[in-house]
Amino acid sequence: MNINIADKTKRSKIIIFCVTVLVAVLIISFTVGREIYEGKSDSMFSFGLVHFAGYLFFLLMPVEMAFVYYLSFYEEAKLIGIALSTAFVAQLIDYFIGFSFSLKFIHSFVGEKRLIKAEKYIRKYGNLTIFVFNFFPLSSPVIALVAGMLKYRLRHLLIYSLFGLVLKYIVLSLIF
């Protein structure tokens, strides 16, 4: 009987992974991909949508690469503003999902190893973890999710996330 439960769990993880990849591909296809096919310039809406989706814990998208790509089309200040606002809203959603849903439900999306690792960092380093994961291209959405699961202070999460994100996008703007 344990084999059936293990098989069902494995199948459900594969299905969740496939659906997640499908959603990511559809978001990119209907925004950036559609604009490329139609010969239009890339829009701020497509950047905002891709960036927002990339900061949701269940979609892994290279948001820093999208930011660098869009720098050639738009002013840095506008892009940073959109990047900050979309990341901020997505991380709020991640936090409240972690705060509200059961651990078993979240494990099926993220995986136990990633959750345990994120929890270890938050418990050990606290605000520094939140800052570092937002400053570097690490999995900051998972950190926000775990912070919600741990009932971490929302104000601290938002302050240190914002600080890390602001610095990250300023540095990216200066480099590229």
N, C-alpha and C. Protein backbone atom coordinates (compact mmCIF):
# COMPACT_ATOMS: atom_id res chain seq x y z
N MET A 1 0.81 -1.19 0.00
CA MET A 1 0.00 0.00 0.00
C MET A 1 0.86 1.27 0.00
N ASN A 2 2.02 1.25 0.66
CA ASN A 2 2.91 2.40 0.67
C ASN A 2 3.43 2.73 -0.71
N ILE A 3 3.60 1.71 -1.55
CA ILE A 3 4.08 1.94 -2.91
C ILE A 3 3.05 2.76 -3.68
N ASN A 4 1.77 2.47 -3.50
CA ASN A 4 0.74 3.23 -4.19
C ASN A 4 0.75 4.70 -3.77
N ILE A 5 0.93 4.95 -2.49
CA ILE A 5 0.98 6.33 -2.00
C ILE A 5 2.20 7.04 -2.58
N ALA A 6 3.35 6.35 -2.60
CA ALA A 6 4.57 6.93 -3.15
C ALA A 6 4.40 7.22 -4.64
N ASP A 7 3.77 6.27 -5.36
CA ASP A 7 3.53 6.47 -6.79
C ASP A 7 2.60 7.65 -7.04
N LYS A 8 1.55 7.74 -6.23
CA LYS A 8 0.61 8.86 -6.38
C LYS A 8 1.29 10.19 -6.10
N THR A 9 2.12 10.22 -5.08
CA THR A 9 2.85 11.44 -4.74
C THR A 9 3.79 11.82 -5.88
N LYS A 10 4.50 10.84 -6.40
CA LYS A 10 5.42 11.11 -7.50
C LYS A 10 4.66 11.60 -8.74
N ARG A 11 3.54 10.95 -9.04
CA ARG A 11 2.73 11.37 -10.18
C ARG A 11 2.18 12.78 -9.99
N SER A 12 1.72 13.09 -8.78
CA SER A 12 1.18 14.42 -8.54
C SER A 12 2.27 15.48 -8.66
N LYS A 13 3.50 15.18 -8.22
CA LYS A 13 4.61 16.13 -8.37
C LYS A 13 4.94 16.35 -9.84
N ILE A 14 4.91 15.28 -10.62
CA ILE A 14 5.19 15.40 -12.06
C ILE A 14 4.10 16.24 -12.73
N ILE A 15 2.87 16.01 -12.36
CA ILE A 15 1.76 16.79 -12.94
C ILE A 15 1.88 18.26 -12.55
N ILE A 16 2.16 18.52 -11.29
CA ILE A 16 2.32 19.91 -10.83
C ILE A 16 3.48 20.57 -11.57
N PHE A 17 4.60 19.85 -11.73
CA PHE A 17 5.74 20.40 -12.46
C PHE A 17 5.37 20.72 -13.91
N CYS A 18 4.69 19.80 -14.57
CA CYS A 18 4.30 20.01 -15.97
C CYS A 18 3.34 21.20 -16.11
N VAL A 19 2.38 21.30 -15.21
CA VAL A 19 1.44 22.42 -15.26
C VAL A 19 2.17 23.73 -15.02
N THR A 20 3.11 23.75 -14.08
CA THR A 20 3.89 24.95 -13.80
C THR A 20 4.69 25.37 -15.02
N VAL A 21 5.36 24.42 -15.66
CA VAL A 21 6.14 24.73 -16.87
C VAL A 21 5.21 25.24 -17.96
N LEU A 22 4.06 24.61 -18.12
CA LEU A 22 3.10 25.04 -19.13
C LEU A 22 2.64 26.48 -18.88
N VAL A 23 2.34 26.81 -17.64
CA VAL A 23 1.92 28.17 -17.31
C VAL A 23 3.03 29.16 -17.62
N ALA A 24 4.27 28.85 -17.27
CA ALA A 24 5.40 29.73 -17.55
C ALA A 24 5.58 29.93 -19.05
N VAL A 25 5.50 28.86 -19.81
CA VAL A 25 5.64 28.95 -21.27
C VAL A 25 4.49 29.77 -21.86
N LEU A 26 3.29 29.58 -21.38
CA LEU A 26 2.15 30.35 -21.89
C LEU A 26 2.29 31.83 -21.58
N ILE A 27 2.73 32.16 -20.39
CA ILE A 27 2.91 33.57 -20.03
C ILE A 27 3.93 34.22 -20.95
N ILE A 28 5.06 33.55 -21.15
CA ILE A 28 6.10 34.11 -22.03
C ILE A 28 5.61 34.15 -23.47
N SER A 29 4.94 33.11 -23.92
CA SER A 29 4.46 33.06 -25.31
C SER A 29 3.45 34.16 -25.61
N PHE A 30 2.53 34.39 -24.68
CA PHE A 30 1.48 35.37 -24.93
C PHE A 30 1.92 36.80 -24.67
N THR A 31 3.10 36.99 -24.15
CA THR A 31 3.58 38.35 -23.92
C THR A 31 4.77 38.63 -24.84
N VAL A 32 5.94 38.24 -24.42
CA VAL A 32 7.16 38.51 -25.17
C VAL A 32 7.14 37.81 -26.52
N GLY A 33 6.79 36.52 -26.52
CA GLY A 33 6.78 35.76 -27.77
C GLY A 33 5.82 36.34 -28.79
N ARG A 34 4.66 36.72 -28.36
CA ARG A 34 3.66 37.31 -29.27
C ARG A 34 4.16 38.62 -29.85
N GLU A 35 4.80 39.42 -29.03
CA GLU A 35 5.33 40.69 -29.52
C GLU A 35 6.44 40.47 -30.54
N ILE A 36 7.28 39.46 -30.32
CA ILE A 36 8.36 39.17 -31.26
C ILE A 36 7.78 38.68 -32.59
N TYR A 37 6.80 37.77 -32.52
CA TYR A 37 6.20 37.25 -33.75
C TYR A 37 5.51 38.34 -34.55
N GLU A 38 4.87 39.26 -33.88
CA GLU A 38 4.14 40.33 -34.56
C GLU A 38 5.03 41.49 -34.95
N GLY A 39 6.31 41.44 -34.62
CA GLY A 39 7.25 42.49 -34.99
C GLY A 39 7.08 43.76 -34.19
N LYS A 40 6.41 43.69 -33.07
CA LYS A 40 6.22 44.86 -32.22
C LYS A 40 7.37 44.94 -31.22
N SER A 41 7.55 46.14 -30.70
CA SER A 41 8.55 46.27 -29.65
C SER A 41 7.96 45.69 -28.36
N ASP A 42 8.84 45.30 -27.50
CA ASP A 42 8.42 44.71 -26.24
C ASP A 42 7.76 45.77 -25.36
N SER A 43 6.66 45.39 -24.72
CA SER A 43 5.90 46.36 -23.94
C SER A 43 6.21 46.24 -22.45
N MET A 44 5.90 47.31 -21.74
CA MET A 44 6.06 47.32 -20.29
C MET A 44 5.11 46.31 -19.65
N PHE A 45 3.95 46.12 -20.26
CA PHE A 45 2.99 45.14 -19.73
C PHE A 45 3.60 43.74 -19.75
N SER A 46 4.23 43.38 -20.86
CA SER A 46 4.82 42.04 -20.94
C SER A 46 5.95 41.89 -19.92
N PHE A 47 6.74 42.93 -19.74
CA PHE A 47 7.79 42.87 -18.72
C PHE A 47 7.17 42.70 -17.34
N GLY A 48 6.15 43.49 -17.04
CA GLY A 48 5.50 43.40 -15.73
C GLY A 48 4.91 42.03 -15.48
N LEU A 49 4.28 41.45 -16.48
CA LEU A 49 3.67 40.13 -16.32
C LEU A 49 4.72 39.05 -16.11
N VAL A 50 5.77 39.08 -16.93
CA VAL A 50 6.83 38.09 -16.79
C VAL A 50 7.53 38.25 -15.44
N HIS A 51 7.77 39.48 -15.05
CA HIS A 51 8.46 39.72 -13.78
C HIS A 51 7.60 39.29 -12.59
N PHE A 52 6.32 39.62 -12.63
CA PHE A 52 5.40 39.21 -11.57
C PHE A 52 5.36 37.69 -11.45
N ALA A 53 5.20 37.03 -12.58
CA ALA A 53 5.13 35.56 -12.58
C ALA A 53 6.42 34.94 -12.06
N GLY A 54 7.54 35.56 -12.36
CA GLY A 54 8.83 35.04 -11.91
C GLY A 54 9.03 35.13 -10.41
N TYR A 55 8.29 35.98 -9.75
CA TYR A 55 8.40 36.11 -8.30
C TYR A 55 7.33 35.31 -7.55
N LEU A 56 6.54 34.54 -8.25
CA LEU A 56 5.64 33.61 -7.59
C LEU A 56 6.43 32.33 -7.33
N PHE A 57 6.28 31.74 -6.16
CA PHE A 57 7.14 30.63 -5.75
C PHE A 57 7.02 29.40 -6.64
N PHE A 58 5.92 29.22 -7.33
CA PHE A 58 5.74 28.01 -8.12
C PHE A 58 6.14 28.18 -9.58
N LEU A 59 6.57 29.36 -9.98
CA LEU A 59 7.07 29.59 -11.33
C LEU A 59 8.51 30.09 -11.23
N LEU A 60 9.42 29.36 -11.81
CA LEU A 60 10.82 29.79 -11.80
C LEU A 60 11.14 30.39 -13.16
N MET A 61 11.33 31.69 -13.17
CA MET A 61 11.62 32.38 -14.42
C MET A 61 12.81 33.30 -14.19
N PRO A 62 13.65 33.49 -15.20
CA PRO A 62 14.85 34.32 -15.05
C PRO A 62 14.51 35.82 -15.11
N VAL A 63 13.99 36.35 -14.02
CA VAL A 63 13.53 37.74 -14.02
C VAL A 63 14.67 38.73 -14.20
N GLU A 64 15.86 38.41 -13.71
CA GLU A 64 16.99 39.31 -13.89
C GLU A 64 17.37 39.42 -15.37
N MET A 65 17.29 38.31 -16.08
CA MET A 65 17.58 38.35 -17.51
C MET A 65 16.53 39.16 -18.25
N ALA A 66 15.28 39.03 -17.85
CA ALA A 66 14.22 39.83 -18.47
C ALA A 66 14.47 41.31 -18.22
N PHE A 67 14.89 41.66 -17.02
CA PHE A 67 15.17 43.05 -16.68
C PHE A 67 16.28 43.59 -17.58
N VAL A 68 17.37 42.84 -17.70
CA VAL A 68 18.49 43.27 -18.54
C VAL A 68 18.05 43.40 -19.99
N TYR A 69 17.26 42.47 -20.48
CA TYR A 69 16.76 42.52 -21.85
C TYR A 69 15.93 43.79 -22.10
N TYR A 70 15.04 44.11 -21.18
CA TYR A 70 14.16 45.26 -21.34
C TYR A 70 14.87 46.59 -21.12
N LEU A 71 16.06 46.58 -20.52
CA LEU A 71 16.82 47.82 -20.33
C LEU A 71 17.15 48.49 -21.66
N SER A 72 17.27 47.70 -22.71
CA SER A 72 17.59 48.29 -24.01
C SER A 72 16.39 49.01 -24.65
N PHE A 73 15.18 48.82 -24.08
CA PHE A 73 13.98 49.42 -24.64
C PHE A 73 13.42 50.56 -23.79
N TYR A 74 13.63 50.53 -22.49
CA TYR A 74 12.96 51.47 -21.59
C TYR A 74 13.93 52.10 -20.59
N GLU A 75 13.49 53.19 -20.00
CA GLU A 75 14.27 53.89 -18.99
C GLU A 75 14.45 53.00 -17.76
N GLU A 76 15.61 53.16 -17.15
CA GLU A 76 15.92 52.36 -15.96
C GLU A 76 14.92 52.60 -14.83
N ALA A 77 14.59 53.86 -14.61
CA ALA A 77 13.70 54.20 -13.49
C ALA A 77 12.33 53.54 -13.63
N LYS A 78 11.78 53.54 -14.85
CA LYS A 78 10.49 52.90 -15.08
C LYS A 78 10.57 51.39 -14.85
N LEU A 79 11.63 50.79 -15.40
CA LEU A 79 11.78 49.35 -15.23
C LEU A 79 11.98 48.97 -13.77
N ILE A 80 12.78 49.74 -13.06
CA ILE A 80 12.99 49.45 -11.64
C ILE A 80 11.67 49.58 -10.88
N GLY A 81 10.90 50.62 -11.20
CA GLY A 81 9.60 50.80 -10.55
C GLY A 81 8.66 49.63 -10.79
N ILE A 82 8.58 49.17 -12.02
CA ILE A 82 7.72 48.03 -12.34
C ILE A 82 8.27 46.76 -11.70
N ALA A 83 9.59 46.58 -11.76
CA ALA A 83 10.20 45.39 -11.16
C ALA A 83 9.93 45.34 -9.65
N LEU A 84 10.07 46.47 -8.98
CA LEU A 84 9.84 46.50 -7.53
C LEU A 84 8.38 46.26 -7.19
N SER A 85 7.50 46.90 -7.92
CA SER A 85 6.07 46.74 -7.58
C SER A 85 5.57 45.33 -7.86
N THR A 86 5.98 44.74 -8.98
CA THR A 86 5.51 43.38 -9.29
C THR A 86 6.13 42.36 -8.35
N ALA A 87 7.42 42.52 -8.03
CA ALA A 87 8.07 41.59 -7.09
C ALA A 87 7.45 41.71 -5.71
N PHE A 88 7.16 42.93 -5.30
CA PHE A 88 6.57 43.20 -3.99
C PHE A 88 5.21 42.51 -3.86
N VAL A 89 4.36 42.69 -4.86
CA VAL A 89 3.02 42.08 -4.83
C VAL A 89 3.13 40.55 -4.87
N ALA A 90 3.99 40.03 -5.73
CA ALA A 90 4.14 38.57 -5.83
C ALA A 90 4.67 37.98 -4.53
N GLN A 91 5.60 38.67 -3.87
CA GLN A 91 6.13 38.15 -2.61
C GLN A 91 5.08 38.23 -1.50
N LEU A 92 4.23 39.23 -1.55
CA LEU A 92 3.11 39.27 -0.60
C LEU A 92 2.21 38.05 -0.78
N ILE A 93 1.93 37.72 -2.03
CA ILE A 93 1.11 36.54 -2.33
C ILE A 93 1.81 35.28 -1.82
N ASP A 94 3.12 35.17 -2.09
CA ASP A 94 3.88 34.02 -1.61
C ASP A 94 3.81 33.91 -0.09
N TYR A 95 4.00 35.03 0.59
CA TYR A 95 3.96 35.04 2.05
C TYR A 95 2.60 34.56 2.56
N PHE A 96 1.53 35.11 1.99
CA PHE A 96 0.20 34.75 2.49
C PHE A 96 -0.19 33.32 2.12
N ILE A 97 0.34 32.79 1.03
CA ILE A 97 0.12 31.38 0.72
C ILE A 97 0.81 30.53 1.78
N GLY A 98 2.05 30.87 2.10
CA GLY A 98 2.77 30.14 3.16
C GLY A 98 2.09 30.26 4.50
N PHE A 99 1.55 31.43 4.77
CA PHE A 99 0.87 31.69 6.03
C PHE A 99 -0.45 30.91 6.14
N SER A 100 -1.13 30.73 5.00
CA SER A 100 -2.50 30.21 5.00
C SER A 100 -2.64 28.71 4.73
N PHE A 101 -1.79 28.15 3.88
CA PHE A 101 -2.00 26.78 3.44
C PHE A 101 -1.21 25.79 4.29
N SER A 102 -1.62 24.54 4.21
CA SER A 102 -0.97 23.49 4.99
C SER A 102 0.40 23.17 4.42
N LEU A 103 1.24 22.66 5.29
CA LEU A 103 2.60 22.29 4.90
C LEU A 103 2.59 21.21 3.83
N LYS A 104 1.68 20.27 3.93
CA LYS A 104 1.60 19.18 2.94
C LYS A 104 1.28 19.73 1.55
N PHE A 105 0.37 20.68 1.49
CA PHE A 105 0.01 21.29 0.21
C PHE A 105 1.22 22.01 -0.40
N ILE A 106 1.95 22.74 0.41
CA ILE A 106 3.10 23.50 -0.07
C ILE A 106 4.24 22.57 -0.48
N HIS A 107 4.44 21.49 0.26
CA HIS A 107 5.49 20.51 -0.09
C HIS A 107 5.30 20.00 -1.50
N SER A 108 4.06 19.80 -1.91
CA SER A 108 3.81 19.25 -3.24
C SER A 108 4.24 20.23 -4.34
N PHE A 109 4.29 21.51 -4.05
CA PHE A 109 4.72 22.49 -5.05
C PHE A 109 6.22 22.72 -5.02
N VAL A 110 6.79 22.86 -3.86
CA VAL A 110 8.17 23.31 -3.73
C VAL A 110 9.14 22.17 -3.50
N GLY A 111 8.76 21.21 -2.74
CA GLY A 111 9.65 20.12 -2.38
C GLY A 111 10.19 20.31 -0.98
N GLU A 112 10.29 19.21 -0.28
CA GLU A 112 10.67 19.26 1.14
C GLU A 112 12.10 19.77 1.34
N LYS A 113 13.04 19.36 0.48
CA LYS A 113 14.43 19.79 0.65
C LYS A 113 14.58 21.30 0.57
N ARG A 114 13.94 21.90 -0.41
CA ARG A 114 14.04 23.35 -0.57
C ARG A 114 13.42 24.08 0.61
N LEU A 115 12.30 23.57 1.10
CA LEU A 115 11.64 24.20 2.24
C LEU A 115 12.49 24.11 3.50
N ILE A 116 13.06 22.94 3.74
CA ILE A 116 13.90 22.75 4.93
C ILE A 116 15.13 23.65 4.87
N LYS A 117 15.73 23.73 3.69
CA LYS A 117 16.91 24.59 3.52
C LYS A 117 16.56 26.06 3.75
N ALA A 118 15.46 26.51 3.16
CA ALA A 118 15.04 27.90 3.33
C ALA A 118 14.71 28.19 4.80
N GLU A 119 14.03 27.25 5.45
CA GLU A 119 13.68 27.44 6.86
C GLU A 119 14.93 27.54 7.72
N LYS A 120 15.92 26.70 7.41
CA LYS A 120 17.18 26.73 8.17
C LYS A 120 17.85 28.10 8.06
N TYR A 121 17.89 28.64 6.85
CA TYR A 121 18.52 29.95 6.64
C TYR A 121 17.75 31.06 7.36
N ILE A 122 16.44 31.02 7.28
CA ILE A 122 15.64 32.07 7.94
C ILE A 122 15.81 31.99 9.45
N ARG A 123 15.75 30.80 9.99
CA ARG A 123 15.90 30.65 11.45
C ARG A 123 17.30 31.06 11.93
N LYS A 124 18.31 30.77 11.11
CA LYS A 124 19.69 31.05 11.52
C LYS A 124 20.08 32.52 11.29
N TYR A 125 19.73 33.07 10.13
CA TYR A 125 20.20 34.41 9.77
C TYR A 125 19.11 35.47 9.69
N GLY A 126 17.85 35.07 9.71
CA GLY A 126 16.74 36.02 9.75
C GLY A 126 16.70 37.01 8.60
N ASN A 127 16.74 38.29 8.94
CA ASN A 127 16.60 39.36 7.95
C ASN A 127 17.71 39.35 6.91
N LEU A 128 18.90 38.93 7.31
CA LEU A 128 20.02 38.86 6.36
C LEU A 128 19.69 37.87 5.23
N THR A 129 19.06 36.76 5.57
CA THR A 129 18.65 35.79 4.55
C THR A 129 17.71 36.42 3.55
N ILE A 130 16.74 37.14 4.05
CA ILE A 130 15.76 37.78 3.17
C ILE A 130 16.44 38.79 2.25
N PHE A 131 17.33 39.59 2.81
CA PHE A 131 18.06 40.57 2.00
C PHE A 131 18.91 39.87 0.93
N VAL A 132 19.72 38.90 1.32
CA VAL A 132 20.64 38.23 0.39
C VAL A 132 19.88 37.52 -0.73
N PHE A 133 18.80 36.83 -0.39
CA PHE A 133 18.04 36.11 -1.40
C PHE A 133 17.34 37.05 -2.37
N ASN A 134 17.07 38.27 -1.96
CA ASN A 134 16.48 39.25 -2.87
C ASN A 134 17.53 40.01 -3.66
N PHE A 135 18.69 40.20 -3.09
CA PHE A 135 19.76 40.92 -3.78
C PHE A 135 20.39 40.08 -4.88
N PHE A 136 20.62 38.81 -4.60
CA PHE A 136 21.22 37.92 -5.58
C PHE A 136 20.13 37.14 -6.30
N PRO A 137 20.44 36.60 -7.48
CA PRO A 137 19.42 35.83 -8.21
C PRO A 137 19.22 34.44 -7.60
N LEU A 138 18.73 34.44 -6.38
CA LEU A 138 18.43 33.21 -5.67
C LEU A 138 16.91 33.07 -5.57
N SER A 139 16.46 32.04 -4.95
CA SER A 139 15.03 31.75 -4.90
C SER A 139 14.32 32.55 -3.80
N SER A 140 14.23 33.86 -3.98
CA SER A 140 13.57 34.70 -2.97
C SER A 140 12.07 34.42 -2.84
N PRO A 141 11.37 33.99 -3.88
CA PRO A 141 9.96 33.66 -3.67
C PRO A 141 9.76 32.51 -2.68
N VAL A 142 10.66 31.53 -2.69
CA VAL A 142 10.55 30.43 -1.74
C VAL A 142 10.83 30.95 -0.33
N ILE A 143 11.75 31.89 -0.20
CA ILE A 143 12.03 32.49 1.11
C ILE A 143 10.78 33.20 1.63
N ALA A 144 10.10 33.94 0.78
CA ALA A 144 8.87 34.62 1.20
C ALA A 144 7.80 33.60 1.61
N LEU A 145 7.70 32.52 0.87
CA LEU A 145 6.75 31.46 1.19
C LEU A 145 7.05 30.86 2.56
N VAL A 146 8.31 30.52 2.79
CA VAL A 146 8.71 29.92 4.06
C VAL A 146 8.54 30.92 5.20
N ALA A 147 8.84 32.19 4.94
CA ALA A 147 8.62 33.22 5.97
C ALA A 147 7.15 33.24 6.39
N GLY A 148 6.25 33.08 5.44
CA GLY A 148 4.83 32.99 5.77
C GLY A 148 4.51 31.76 6.58
N MET A 149 5.13 30.64 6.22
CA MET A 149 4.90 29.39 6.96
C MET A 149 5.38 29.52 8.40
N LEU A 150 6.48 30.26 8.59
CA LEU A 150 7.05 30.44 9.93
C LEU A 150 6.38 31.57 10.70
N LYS A 151 5.40 32.22 10.05
CA LYS A 151 4.72 33.38 10.65
C LYS A 151 5.72 34.47 11.00
N TYR A 152 6.72 34.62 10.11
CA TYR A 152 7.75 35.64 10.26
C TYR A 152 7.10 37.02 10.16
N ARG A 153 7.68 37.99 10.80
CA ARG A 153 7.09 39.34 10.77
C ARG A 153 7.04 39.88 9.34
N LEU A 154 5.85 40.15 8.88
CA LEU A 154 5.63 40.62 7.51
C LEU A 154 6.38 41.92 7.26
N ARG A 155 6.37 42.82 8.21
CA ARG A 155 7.04 44.10 8.03
C ARG A 155 8.53 43.90 7.76
N HIS A 156 9.18 43.00 8.49
CA HIS A 156 10.60 42.74 8.27
C HIS A 156 10.84 42.11 6.91
N LEU A 157 9.97 41.19 6.53
CA LEU A 157 10.09 40.57 5.21
C LEU A 157 10.03 41.64 4.12
N LEU A 158 9.06 42.52 4.22
CA LEU A 158 8.88 43.53 3.18
C LEU A 158 10.03 44.53 3.15
N ILE A 159 10.49 44.97 4.29
CA ILE A 159 11.58 45.95 4.35
C ILE A 159 12.87 45.37 3.75
N TYR A 160 13.26 44.18 4.20
CA TYR A 160 14.51 43.59 3.73
C TYR A 160 14.41 43.08 2.29
N SER A 161 13.24 42.65 1.88
CA SER A 161 13.04 42.28 0.47
C SER A 161 13.19 43.51 -0.41
N LEU A 162 12.53 44.57 -0.03
CA LEU A 162 12.57 45.80 -0.81
C LEU A 162 14.00 46.34 -0.89
N PHE A 163 14.70 46.33 0.21
CA PHE A 163 16.08 46.81 0.24
C PHE A 163 16.95 45.98 -0.71
N GLY A 164 16.84 44.66 -0.65
CA GLY A 164 17.61 43.79 -1.54
C GLY A 164 17.25 43.97 -3.00
N LEU A 165 15.96 44.09 -3.28
CA LEU A 165 15.51 44.27 -4.67
C LEU A 165 15.97 45.61 -5.24
N VAL A 166 15.85 46.67 -4.46
CA VAL A 166 16.28 47.99 -4.94
C VAL A 166 17.76 47.95 -5.30
N LEU A 167 18.57 47.41 -4.41
CA LEU A 167 20.01 47.33 -4.70
C LEU A 167 20.30 46.45 -5.91
N LYS A 168 19.60 45.33 -6.02
CA LYS A 168 19.84 44.43 -7.15
C LYS A 168 19.56 45.14 -8.48
N TYR A 169 18.43 45.82 -8.57
CA TYR A 169 18.09 46.44 -9.85
C TYR A 169 18.91 47.69 -10.14
N ILE A 170 19.35 48.38 -9.13
CA ILE A 170 20.26 49.49 -9.36
C ILE A 170 21.61 48.97 -9.88
N VAL A 171 22.12 47.91 -9.27
CA VAL A 171 23.39 47.33 -9.72
C VAL A 171 23.25 46.81 -11.16
N LEU A 172 22.17 46.10 -11.45
CA LEU A 172 21.95 45.61 -12.82
C LEU A 172 21.88 46.76 -13.82
N SER A 173 21.23 47.84 -13.43
CA SER A 173 21.13 49.01 -14.32
C SER A 173 22.50 49.62 -14.58
N LEU A 174 23.31 49.69 -13.55
CA LEU A 174 24.65 50.26 -13.70
C LEU A 174 25.56 49.38 -14.53
N ILE A 175 25.45 48.08 -14.36
CA ILE A 175 26.30 47.14 -15.10
C ILE A 175 25.89 47.07 -16.57
N PHE A 176 24.60 47.01 -16.83
CA PHE A 176 24.13 46.80 -18.20
C PHE A 176 23.58 48.07 -18.80
